[in-house]
Protein backbone atom coordinates (compact mmCIF):
# COMPACT_ATOMS: atom_id res chain seq x y z
CA UNK A 1 60.54 -123.25 -1.15
CA UNK A 2 58.29 -120.48 -0.70
CA UNK A 3 58.79 -121.24 3.25
CA UNK A 4 62.19 -120.97 2.63
CA UNK A 5 62.56 -117.74 0.81
CA UNK A 6 60.20 -115.90 2.97
CA UNK A 7 62.61 -116.98 5.74
CA UNK A 8 65.73 -116.06 3.90
CA UNK A 9 64.40 -113.02 3.29
CA UNK A 10 63.63 -112.24 7.13
CA UNK A 11 66.73 -112.97 8.20
CA UNK A 12 68.44 -110.69 5.49
CA UNK A 13 65.93 -107.95 6.93
CA UNK A 14 66.79 -108.56 10.55
CA UNK A 15 70.82 -108.69 9.57
CA UNK A 16 70.11 -105.49 7.97
CA UNK A 17 68.31 -103.71 10.48
CA UNK A 18 70.85 -105.08 13.56
CA UNK A 19 73.77 -103.51 11.33
CA UNK A 20 72.15 -100.23 10.21
CA UNK A 21 70.89 -99.41 13.97
CA UNK A 22 74.15 -100.43 15.38
CA UNK A 23 75.98 -98.32 12.91
CA UNK A 24 73.82 -95.44 13.78
CA UNK A 25 73.78 -95.82 17.57
CA UNK A 26 77.24 -96.05 17.74
CA UNK A 27 77.98 -92.58 16.43
CA UNK A 28 75.95 -91.46 19.34
CA UNK A 29 77.16 -94.03 21.72
CA UNK A 30 78.71 -91.58 24.41
CA UNK A 31 75.84 -89.70 24.84
CA UNK A 32 73.16 -92.72 25.13
CA UNK A 33 71.45 -94.10 27.94
CA UNK A 34 72.61 -97.47 28.48
CA UNK A 35 69.00 -98.91 28.22
CA UNK A 36 68.54 -97.52 24.74
CA UNK A 37 70.49 -100.07 22.62
CA UNK A 38 68.46 -102.94 23.93
CA UNK A 39 65.60 -101.13 22.76
CA UNK A 40 66.09 -99.89 19.70
CA UNK A 41 67.47 -103.53 18.46
CA UNK A 42 64.13 -104.67 19.13
CA UNK A 43 63.12 -103.16 15.58
CA UNK A 44 65.17 -105.72 13.73
CA UNK A 45 63.96 -108.83 15.53
CA UNK A 46 60.33 -107.40 15.18
CA UNK A 47 60.55 -106.81 11.47
CA UNK A 48 62.48 -110.28 11.26
CA UNK A 49 59.47 -112.13 12.52
CA UNK A 50 57.13 -110.26 10.20
CA UNK A 51 58.82 -110.92 7.52
CA UNK A 52 60.41 -114.14 7.79
CA UNK A 53 58.49 -115.65 10.87
CA UNK A 54 60.13 -117.04 13.80
CA UNK A 55 63.83 -118.47 12.21
CA UNK A 56 64.52 -115.14 11.41
CA UNK A 57 63.65 -113.82 14.63
CA UNK A 58 66.06 -115.80 16.17
CA UNK A 59 68.75 -115.07 14.04
CA UNK A 60 67.96 -111.32 14.93
CA UNK A 61 68.14 -112.07 18.41
CA UNK A 62 71.24 -113.73 17.90
CA UNK A 63 72.94 -110.88 15.87
CA UNK A 64 71.62 -107.88 18.12
CA UNK A 65 73.23 -109.90 21.03
CA UNK A 66 76.34 -109.86 19.65
CA UNK A 67 75.76 -106.71 18.58
CA UNK A 68 75.06 -105.66 22.23
CA UNK A 69 77.64 -107.01 23.67
CA UNK A 70 80.30 -105.75 21.10
CA UNK A 71 79.38 -102.52 20.94
CA UNK A 72 77.86 -101.21 23.87
CA UNK A 73 79.10 -102.96 26.63
CA UNK A 74 82.94 -102.25 28.08
CA UNK A 75 85.19 -103.14 26.75
CA UNK A 76 83.94 -102.13 23.69
CA UNK A 77 84.88 -104.19 19.99
CA UNK A 78 85.15 -108.08 22.65
CA UNK A 79 83.11 -110.18 23.39
CA UNK A 80 84.35 -110.07 27.17
CA UNK A 81 82.18 -108.57 30.16
CA UNK A 82 83.48 -107.24 33.09
CA UNK A 83 80.67 -106.52 35.46
CA UNK A 84 78.21 -108.63 36.44
CA UNK A 85 75.31 -106.57 35.70
CA UNK A 86 76.22 -106.42 32.12
CA UNK A 87 75.78 -109.89 32.41
CA UNK A 88 72.24 -109.94 33.94
CA UNK A 89 71.19 -107.21 31.21
CA UNK A 90 72.51 -109.28 28.13
CA UNK A 91 70.69 -112.26 29.78
CA UNK A 92 67.12 -110.06 30.08
CA UNK A 93 68.15 -108.87 26.51
CA UNK A 94 68.38 -112.73 24.83
CA UNK A 95 65.01 -113.44 27.02
CA UNK A 96 63.18 -110.39 25.89
CA UNK A 97 63.99 -110.53 22.93
CA UNK A 98 62.98 -113.81 21.95
CA UNK A 99 59.98 -113.41 24.21
CA UNK A 100 59.37 -110.65 21.80
CA UNK A 101 59.60 -112.58 18.85
CA UNK A 102 57.36 -115.50 20.14
CA UNK A 103 54.75 -112.99 20.34
CA UNK A 104 55.07 -111.20 16.89
CA UNK A 105 55.22 -114.82 15.86
CA UNK A 106 52.09 -115.70 17.48
CA UNK A 107 50.04 -112.71 16.60
CA UNK A 108 51.12 -112.81 12.97
CA UNK A 109 49.97 -116.79 12.88
CA UNK A 110 46.99 -115.08 14.89
CA UNK A 111 46.21 -112.71 12.03
CA UNK A 112 46.73 -114.70 9.47
CA UNK A 113 44.55 -117.55 10.56
CA UNK A 114 41.94 -114.80 11.11
CA UNK A 115 42.04 -113.61 7.79
CA UNK A 116 42.01 -116.89 6.18
CA UNK A 117 38.77 -117.75 8.46
CA UNK A 118 37.03 -114.60 7.24
CA UNK A 119 38.57 -115.32 3.39
CA UNK A 120 37.18 -118.77 3.53
CA UNK A 121 33.71 -118.44 4.16
CA UNK A 122 33.79 -115.64 1.47
CA UNK A 123 35.35 -118.31 -1.36
CA UNK A 124 33.02 -120.93 -0.33
CA UNK A 125 30.05 -118.47 -0.66
CA UNK A 126 31.65 -117.67 -4.36
CA UNK A 127 31.86 -121.20 -5.27
CA UNK A 128 28.75 -122.44 -3.96
CA UNK A 129 27.31 -119.40 -5.89
CA UNK A 130 29.08 -120.03 -9.07
CA UNK A 131 28.18 -123.94 -8.78
CA UNK A 132 24.23 -123.49 -8.72
CA UNK A 133 24.34 -121.31 -11.44
CA UNK A 134 23.33 -123.38 -14.92
CA UNK A 135 26.36 -124.52 -16.36
CA UNK A 136 27.22 -127.40 -18.77
CA UNK A 137 28.93 -129.99 -16.76
CA UNK A 138 32.30 -129.20 -19.04
CA UNK A 139 32.23 -125.57 -17.51
CA UNK A 140 31.62 -127.05 -14.33
CA UNK A 141 34.15 -129.24 -14.06
CA UNK A 142 36.86 -126.63 -15.38
CA UNK A 143 35.32 -124.25 -12.78
CA UNK A 144 35.85 -126.62 -10.11
CA UNK A 145 39.66 -126.89 -10.64
CA UNK A 146 40.64 -123.56 -11.11
CA UNK A 147 38.66 -122.40 -7.72
CA UNK A 148 40.80 -125.39 -5.86
CA UNK A 149 44.26 -124.28 -7.58
CA UNK A 150 43.23 -120.86 -6.85
CA UNK A 151 42.33 -121.35 -3.23
CA UNK A 152 45.22 -123.91 -2.36
CA UNK A 153 47.97 -122.56 -4.43
CA UNK A 154 48.41 -125.86 -5.98
CA UNK A 155 50.66 -126.60 -8.86
CA UNK A 156 48.04 -128.57 -10.67
CA UNK A 157 44.31 -129.89 -9.71
CA UNK A 158 42.74 -132.68 -12.02
CA UNK A 159 39.41 -133.59 -11.92
CA UNK A 160 38.61 -136.72 -12.68
CA UNK A 161 34.80 -138.36 -13.49
CA UNK A 162 33.89 -142.11 -13.97
CA UNK A 163 33.51 -143.26 -18.05
CA UNK A 164 31.08 -145.43 -19.32
CA UNK A 165 33.27 -148.61 -18.44
CA UNK A 166 33.85 -147.39 -14.76
CA UNK A 167 37.53 -146.15 -15.18
CA UNK A 168 38.54 -142.74 -13.88
CA UNK A 169 38.96 -140.73 -17.24
CA UNK A 170 40.41 -136.69 -16.96
CA UNK A 171 37.66 -134.39 -16.80
CA UNK A 172 39.41 -130.87 -16.07
CA UNK A 173 42.97 -129.64 -15.16
CA UNK A 174 44.26 -126.31 -13.67
CA UNK A 175 47.82 -125.74 -13.65
CA UNK A 176 50.15 -128.23 -14.73
CA UNK A 177 48.13 -131.41 -16.36
CA UNK A 178 49.81 -134.50 -14.44
CA UNK A 179 51.97 -136.70 -16.19
CA UNK A 180 50.77 -140.08 -17.41
CA UNK A 181 52.62 -141.68 -15.00
CA UNK A 182 50.86 -139.31 -12.30
CA UNK A 183 47.74 -140.06 -13.64
CA UNK A 184 48.12 -143.87 -13.81
CA UNK A 185 48.91 -143.69 -10.21
CA UNK A 186 45.69 -141.61 -9.53
CA UNK A 187 43.43 -143.87 -11.44
CA UNK A 188 45.16 -147.05 -9.70
CA UNK A 189 43.86 -145.11 -5.98
CA UNK A 190 40.72 -144.44 -7.29
CA UNK A 191 39.14 -147.30 -5.43
CA UNK A 192 39.82 -146.45 -2.01
CA UNK A 193 37.06 -145.26 0.41
CA UNK A 194 39.06 -142.67 2.56
CA UNK A 195 37.95 -139.23 1.36
CA UNK A 196 41.64 -137.50 1.66
CA UNK A 197 45.08 -139.28 1.21
CA UNK A 198 48.80 -138.61 0.42
CA UNK A 199 49.49 -140.17 -3.07
CA UNK A 200 53.06 -140.86 -2.71
CA UNK A 201 56.25 -138.54 -2.28
CA UNK A 202 55.30 -136.12 -5.01
CA UNK A 203 52.85 -134.37 -2.58
CA UNK A 204 49.52 -135.00 -5.00
CA UNK A 205 46.47 -135.13 -2.16
CA UNK A 206 42.90 -136.73 -3.67
CA UNK A 207 39.18 -136.23 -2.43
CA UNK A 208 36.67 -138.62 -3.39
CA UNK A 209 33.79 -136.53 -4.63
CA UNK A 210 30.81 -138.09 -3.10
CA UNK A 211 27.23 -137.22 -3.10
CA UNK A 212 23.89 -139.03 -1.90
CA UNK A 213 26.58 -141.83 -0.16
CA UNK A 214 27.93 -142.98 -3.30
CA UNK A 215 31.00 -142.01 -5.43
CA UNK A 216 30.87 -139.83 -8.45
CA UNK A 217 34.12 -138.66 -9.38
CA UNK A 218 37.51 -137.75 -7.54
CA UNK A 219 39.30 -134.44 -7.44
CA UNK A 220 43.64 -134.66 -6.96
CA UNK A 221 45.90 -131.76 -6.74
CA UNK A 222 49.72 -131.35 -5.94
CA UNK A 223 51.38 -128.44 -4.24
CA UNK A 224 52.32 -127.08 -1.00
CA UNK A 225 51.09 -129.31 1.60
CA UNK A 226 47.94 -128.61 3.70
CA UNK A 227 47.37 -128.17 7.33
CA UNK A 228 44.19 -129.49 9.21
CA UNK A 229 42.69 -126.41 8.49
CA UNK A 230 43.42 -126.58 4.65
CA UNK A 231 42.37 -130.37 4.42
CA UNK A 232 39.31 -129.32 6.08
CA UNK A 233 38.44 -126.64 3.66
CA UNK A 234 39.36 -128.58 0.93
CA UNK A 235 37.23 -131.30 1.65
CA UNK A 236 34.10 -128.88 1.97
CA UNK A 237 35.21 -127.50 -1.47
CA UNK A 238 35.04 -131.19 -2.89
CA UNK A 239 31.68 -131.67 -0.99
CA UNK A 240 30.02 -128.51 -2.98
CA UNK A 241 31.28 -129.81 -6.33
CA UNK A 242 30.12 -133.46 -5.60
CA UNK A 243 26.85 -131.86 -5.38
CA UNK A 244 26.59 -129.75 -7.76
CA UNK A 245 28.07 -132.44 -10.60
CA UNK A 246 25.24 -134.98 -9.48
CA UNK A 247 23.36 -132.18 -9.72
CA UNK A 248 24.06 -131.25 -12.97
CA UNK A 249 23.80 -135.01 -14.23
CA UNK A 250 20.86 -135.92 -12.80
CA UNK A 251 19.55 -132.80 -14.62
CA UNK A 252 20.82 -134.27 -18.16
CA UNK A 253 19.37 -137.44 -17.10
CA UNK A 254 16.03 -135.89 -16.67
CA UNK A 255 16.32 -134.15 -20.05
CA UNK A 256 17.01 -137.02 -21.72
CA UNK A 257 14.23 -138.73 -19.88
CA UNK A 258 12.43 -136.07 -21.25
CA UNK A 259 13.23 -136.25 -24.29
CA UNK A 260 12.86 -139.96 -25.04
CA UNK A 261 9.35 -138.87 -23.48
CA UNK A 262 8.84 -136.45 -26.37
CA UNK A 263 9.98 -138.82 -29.26
CA UNK A 264 7.95 -141.25 -27.64
CA UNK A 265 5.06 -139.18 -27.43
CA UNK A 266 5.45 -137.44 -31.01
CA UNK A 267 6.01 -141.01 -32.58
CA UNK A 268 2.65 -142.36 -30.96
CA UNK A 269 1.00 -139.46 -32.42
CA UNK A 270 3.05 -139.89 -35.51
CA UNK A 271 2.07 -143.07 -36.06
CA UNK A 272 -1.71 -141.99 -35.00
CA UNK A 273 -1.79 -139.79 -37.34
CA UNK A 274 -0.54 -140.67 -40.43
CA UNK A 275 -1.93 -144.25 -40.10
CA UNK A 276 -5.08 -142.47 -39.84
CA UNK A 277 -4.84 -139.73 -43.07
CA UNK A 278 -2.97 -142.97 -44.71
CA UNK A 279 -5.34 -145.49 -44.54
CA UNK A 280 -8.60 -143.10 -45.07
CA UNK A 281 -7.06 -142.16 -49.07
CA UNK A 282 -5.65 -145.96 -49.40
CA UNK A 283 -8.76 -147.38 -48.58
CA UNK A 284 -10.73 -145.40 -51.01
CA UNK A 285 -8.14 -146.04 -53.73
CA UNK A 286 -8.02 -149.62 -53.71
CA UNK A 287 -11.69 -149.86 -53.44
CA UNK A 288 -12.24 -147.73 -57.19
CA UNK A 289 -8.99 -149.49 -58.82
CA UNK A 290 -10.52 -152.85 -57.65
CA UNK A 291 -13.90 -152.08 -59.08
CA UNK A 292 -12.36 -150.57 -62.10
CA UNK A 293 -10.41 -153.56 -62.63
CA UNK A 294 -12.81 -156.28 -61.91
CA UNK A 295 -15.13 -154.28 -64.48
CA UNK A 296 -18.06 -154.96 -62.20
CA UNK A 297 -21.38 -155.68 -64.01
CA UNK A 298 -23.35 -152.76 -63.60
CA UNK A 299 -20.91 -150.27 -64.15
CA UNK A 300 -21.73 -147.21 -66.49
CA UNK A 301 -19.41 -144.66 -67.39
CA UNK A 302 -21.07 -142.46 -65.10
CA UNK A 303 -19.95 -145.31 -62.50
CA UNK A 304 -16.34 -145.32 -63.76
CA UNK A 305 -16.23 -141.48 -64.07
CA UNK A 306 -17.29 -140.89 -60.04
CA UNK A 307 -14.74 -143.98 -59.43
CA UNK A 308 -11.83 -142.33 -61.22
CA UNK A 309 -12.89 -138.62 -59.79
CA UNK A 310 -12.55 -140.47 -55.78
CA UNK A 311 -9.26 -142.04 -57.15
CA UNK A 312 -7.93 -139.38 -58.48
CA UNK A 313 -8.98 -136.86 -55.26
CA UNK A 314 -8.08 -139.19 -52.79
CA UNK A 315 -4.47 -139.02 -54.82
CA UNK A 316 -4.36 -135.60 -54.05
CA UNK A 317 -4.88 -136.03 -50.56
CA UNK A 318 -2.39 -138.73 -50.11
CA UNK A 319 -0.09 -136.49 -52.03
CA UNK A 320 -0.56 -133.39 -49.52
CA UNK A 321 -0.10 -135.34 -46.75
CA UNK A 322 3.35 -136.44 -47.95
CA UNK A 323 4.14 -133.00 -49.04
CA UNK A 324 2.93 -132.18 -45.18
CA UNK A 325 5.24 -134.92 -43.69
CA UNK A 326 8.56 -133.89 -45.73
CA UNK A 327 7.67 -130.43 -44.73
CA UNK A 328 7.53 -131.33 -41.21
CA UNK A 329 11.17 -133.03 -41.49
CA UNK A 330 12.42 -129.87 -42.90
CA UNK A 331 11.23 -127.92 -40.09
CA UNK A 332 12.24 -130.33 -37.20
CA UNK A 333 16.01 -130.08 -39.09
CA UNK A 334 16.04 -126.53 -39.28
CA UNK A 335 16.21 -126.34 -43.07
CA UNK A 336 14.15 -124.05 -43.54
CA UNK A 337 15.58 -121.52 -46.39
CA UNK A 338 13.87 -118.15 -47.18
CA UNK A 339 14.29 -117.44 -51.40
CA UNK A 340 12.44 -114.40 -51.13
CA UNK A 341 10.93 -112.33 -54.19
CA UNK A 342 8.45 -109.82 -54.86
CA UNK A 343 4.98 -111.25 -55.12
CA UNK A 344 1.64 -110.09 -55.58
CA UNK A 345 -1.06 -111.02 -52.98
CA UNK A 346 -3.48 -112.42 -55.30
CA UNK A 347 -1.24 -114.23 -57.41
CA UNK A 348 0.16 -116.56 -54.44
CA UNK A 349 -3.92 -116.92 -53.44
CA UNK A 350 -4.34 -117.72 -56.78
CA UNK A 351 -1.76 -120.55 -56.75
CA UNK A 352 -2.80 -122.15 -53.62
CA UNK A 353 -6.48 -121.91 -54.91
CA UNK A 354 -5.78 -123.68 -58.20
CA UNK A 355 -3.03 -126.42 -56.07
CA UNK A 356 -6.67 -127.23 -54.10
CA UNK A 357 -8.59 -127.25 -57.41
CA UNK A 358 -5.95 -129.71 -59.76
CA UNK A 359 -5.88 -131.83 -56.32
CA UNK A 360 -9.63 -132.98 -56.87
CA UNK A 361 -10.64 -130.73 -53.36
CA UNK A 362 -14.34 -129.41 -53.55
CA UNK A 363 -13.15 -125.77 -53.46
CA UNK A 364 -15.73 -123.46 -52.96
CA UNK A 365 -14.08 -119.91 -52.54
CA UNK A 366 -14.30 -115.82 -52.45
CA UNK A 367 -11.69 -113.30 -52.76
CA UNK A 368 -11.92 -109.79 -51.64
CA UNK A 369 -8.68 -108.71 -52.80
CA UNK A 370 -8.44 -104.71 -53.92
CA UNK A 371 -6.27 -103.53 -56.94
CA UNK A 372 -4.45 -101.39 -54.56
CA UNK A 373 -2.92 -104.08 -52.55
CA UNK A 374 0.35 -103.94 -52.39
CA UNK A 375 3.21 -106.96 -53.14
CA UNK A 376 4.81 -108.88 -50.84
CA UNK A 377 8.37 -110.05 -50.48
CA UNK A 378 8.07 -113.68 -49.44
CA UNK A 379 9.07 -117.32 -50.11
CA UNK A 380 6.68 -118.19 -52.62
CA UNK A 381 6.98 -121.87 -52.35
CA UNK A 382 6.68 -121.85 -48.58
CA UNK A 383 3.70 -119.55 -48.79
CA UNK A 384 1.44 -121.29 -51.10
CA UNK A 385 2.06 -124.42 -48.97
CA UNK A 386 0.93 -122.43 -45.57
CA UNK A 387 -2.09 -120.89 -47.51
CA UNK A 388 -2.83 -124.17 -48.90
CA UNK A 389 -2.73 -126.01 -45.40
CA UNK A 390 -5.28 -122.96 -44.38
CA UNK A 391 -7.95 -123.16 -47.42
CA UNK A 392 -7.92 -126.80 -46.82
CA UNK A 393 -8.38 -126.33 -43.52
CA UNK A 394 -11.30 -124.07 -44.11
CA UNK A 395 -12.68 -126.07 -46.77
CA UNK A 396 -12.88 -129.21 -44.63
CA UNK A 397 -14.89 -127.72 -41.63
CA UNK A 398 -17.01 -125.77 -43.87
CA UNK A 399 -20.86 -126.22 -44.18
CA UNK A 400 -21.79 -127.63 -47.85
CA UNK A 401 -22.58 -124.69 -49.55
CA UNK A 402 -20.90 -122.32 -47.76
CA UNK A 403 -17.74 -120.39 -49.31
CA UNK A 404 -14.59 -119.98 -47.66
CA UNK A 405 -13.65 -116.68 -47.72
CA UNK A 406 -10.55 -114.70 -47.83
CA UNK A 407 -9.74 -110.85 -47.77
CA UNK A 408 -6.51 -108.81 -46.91
CA UNK A 409 -5.64 -105.17 -45.81
CA UNK A 410 -1.98 -103.26 -45.50
CA UNK A 411 -0.91 -101.86 -42.41
CA UNK A 412 2.24 -100.97 -40.53
CA UNK A 413 4.42 -102.52 -42.82
CA UNK A 414 2.59 -106.01 -43.43
CA UNK A 415 -0.51 -107.15 -45.30
CA UNK A 416 -2.65 -109.02 -43.02
CA UNK A 417 -4.51 -111.83 -45.11
CA UNK A 418 -7.42 -113.56 -43.50
CA UNK A 419 -8.81 -116.85 -44.12
CA UNK A 420 -12.54 -117.51 -42.85
CA UNK A 421 -14.87 -120.89 -42.75
CA UNK A 422 -18.47 -120.74 -41.36
CA UNK A 423 -18.10 -124.09 -39.78
CA UNK A 424 -18.12 -124.82 -35.91
CA UNK A 425 -15.09 -122.40 -34.76
CA UNK A 426 -12.78 -123.35 -32.11
CA UNK A 427 -13.05 -122.54 -28.61
CA UNK A 428 -11.41 -119.57 -26.79
CA UNK A 429 -9.37 -121.85 -24.72
CA UNK A 430 -8.24 -123.77 -27.27
CA UNK A 431 -6.83 -121.26 -30.08
CA UNK A 432 -3.12 -121.33 -28.89
CA UNK A 433 -3.39 -124.91 -29.04
CA UNK A 434 -4.80 -125.54 -32.56
CA UNK A 435 -1.00 -124.78 -34.34
CA UNK A 436 0.28 -127.80 -31.84
CA UNK A 437 1.64 -130.78 -34.12
CA UNK A 438 -1.37 -133.72 -34.14
CA UNK A 439 -3.09 -131.61 -31.87
CA UNK A 440 -6.83 -133.08 -31.80
CA UNK A 441 -8.91 -130.18 -29.91
CA UNK A 442 -10.40 -127.49 -31.24
CA UNK A 443 -13.65 -128.86 -32.93
CA UNK A 444 -11.47 -132.10 -34.34
CA UNK A 445 -9.47 -129.67 -36.17
CA UNK A 446 -5.95 -131.47 -37.04
CA UNK A 447 -2.82 -129.46 -36.01
CA UNK A 448 -0.07 -131.20 -38.91
CA UNK A 449 -1.13 -128.79 -41.95
CA UNK A 450 -1.62 -125.68 -39.14
CA UNK A 451 1.85 -126.30 -37.71
CA UNK A 452 3.53 -126.37 -40.94
CA UNK A 453 2.04 -123.02 -42.29
CA UNK A 454 2.70 -121.46 -38.32
CA UNK A 455 6.43 -122.56 -39.12
CA UNK A 456 6.63 -121.24 -42.68
CA UNK A 457 4.96 -117.62 -41.54
CA UNK A 458 6.91 -117.16 -38.08
CA UNK A 459 10.16 -117.80 -40.87
CA UNK A 460 9.16 -115.02 -42.11
CA UNK A 461 9.59 -113.07 -39.21
CA UNK A 462 5.30 -112.67 -39.07
CA UNK A 463 2.67 -114.56 -36.78
CA UNK A 464 -0.19 -116.16 -37.54
CA UNK A 465 -3.28 -116.06 -35.46
CA UNK A 466 -6.74 -117.12 -34.62
CA UNK A 467 -9.49 -114.49 -34.09
CA UNK A 468 -13.05 -114.42 -33.91
CA UNK A 469 -15.12 -114.35 -36.78
CA UNK A 470 -18.40 -112.46 -36.93
CA UNK A 471 -21.50 -114.86 -37.09
CA UNK A 472 -19.54 -117.92 -36.34
CA UNK A 473 -16.75 -120.24 -37.51
CA UNK A 474 -12.61 -119.40 -37.77
CA UNK A 475 -10.47 -116.76 -39.23
CA UNK A 476 -7.09 -117.29 -39.61
CA UNK A 477 -5.16 -114.06 -40.11
CA UNK A 478 -1.48 -114.39 -41.31
CA UNK A 479 1.02 -111.53 -41.61
CA UNK A 480 2.87 -111.13 -45.29
CA UNK A 481 5.91 -108.76 -45.02
CA UNK A 482 5.35 -105.71 -47.15
CA UNK A 483 7.51 -105.49 -50.52
CA UNK A 484 9.99 -102.44 -50.51
CA UNK A 485 9.15 -102.28 -54.14
CA UNK A 486 6.20 -103.64 -56.57
CA UNK A 487 6.95 -106.38 -59.13
CA UNK A 488 7.37 -105.90 -62.55
CA UNK A 489 4.04 -106.80 -63.54
CA UNK A 490 1.28 -107.30 -60.97
CA UNK A 491 -1.33 -109.89 -61.75
CA UNK A 492 -5.24 -108.20 -61.93
CA UNK A 493 -7.65 -108.88 -58.58
CA UNK A 494 -9.28 -111.78 -58.52
CA UNK A 495 -12.65 -113.47 -57.14
CA UNK A 496 -12.33 -117.14 -57.79
CA UNK A 497 -15.58 -118.89 -57.14
CA UNK A 498 -15.67 -122.70 -57.37
């Protein structure tokens, strides 16, 4: 349809040019040399070919021939030719004008082909550059459809990929979407091995997307017929798209594989850590309860009290393990919601210390918290749990009789709270890994509680770090956001000693 409109426009330009130029020359006919009219009538021939191609040029030659004969060869106003040289002039005019039309048409075609050959590499480069970007598969398929539609002026483009049952499914479209009947017909022809084929009289073309010697999908387009060059270019587009689609599919498969491996690793680590941490308190509780229930001979009041204390302590340990596991679940589910309030730092430390002491944990702690220490704006529940995990970790690795030291200082709009023990410490190379979940490096310190502490601190927009401690041991430093206002009633400074 576009070609017909172009030819019609060229014919109109040619006829209009012949008429206008002939009318002007008739006025000056007595003063014109015989060679002037045929030379002037070259102009509408060239214009017709440029606008409408060779058909318009032929019409321009015929119209110019008639105008030259009727208006500029005696007798004027008739088709009669009286002199032999006039017949020669008319013949030469027709032959030369046809040759001019053919030459101009050839030059136009060569120019168009040169422009297309110049444009095609640029389009292929742009397509390749876009396809190698890290885009989701859906965006990649839509980009392929849009690019092919623009490059080939297609009425409709469809990209089809196989689903789980192997049937091709419409994954992306550009232009007018295919009708259900067209889609059904394209699916029926999907199994053929040829790479480019016309589908019916409606002008649909399909290209099998092939990568690594196997078909991975199909591109179908409906629009103007393609010449040999256009078909080669379409195959090039399809090859680029197939490689990009395969690359994205392989990457998604690799991500899924990595995810499954990570899930297996976490599952194994979780089972190992939980089974170990559960087995120890459960075994202690079972032993204590069994001995008390049997009422074994020889158990005095002190022994019974010791067994009860053992069961109580291990129950607290078991409870904290369950709490940490639940907190871990909240972290991975992204369900941490801060309920901020203004709290004195000493109140956070006291509550964490009491939590451990209530659970039966043998806590020995000194706290250096000054009276002028500013309050902090935190979620008290989460921050207390983070401090409990840090204190429990410090107590676990402190030598007998060596207290855990807690100190705090205010600087740069935050309060830095430090928890220090005098244990074996952590090697510098392991300090970044100490907060990894289920990490068992770094002097044997398990990473579950520390990971949760790190997550809770970072949820407040702060950071937790492990620093060098003078004289040995480990020193954890936690950033707490300073409150804009002080609480209505601050708690007194505390230096618990247990």
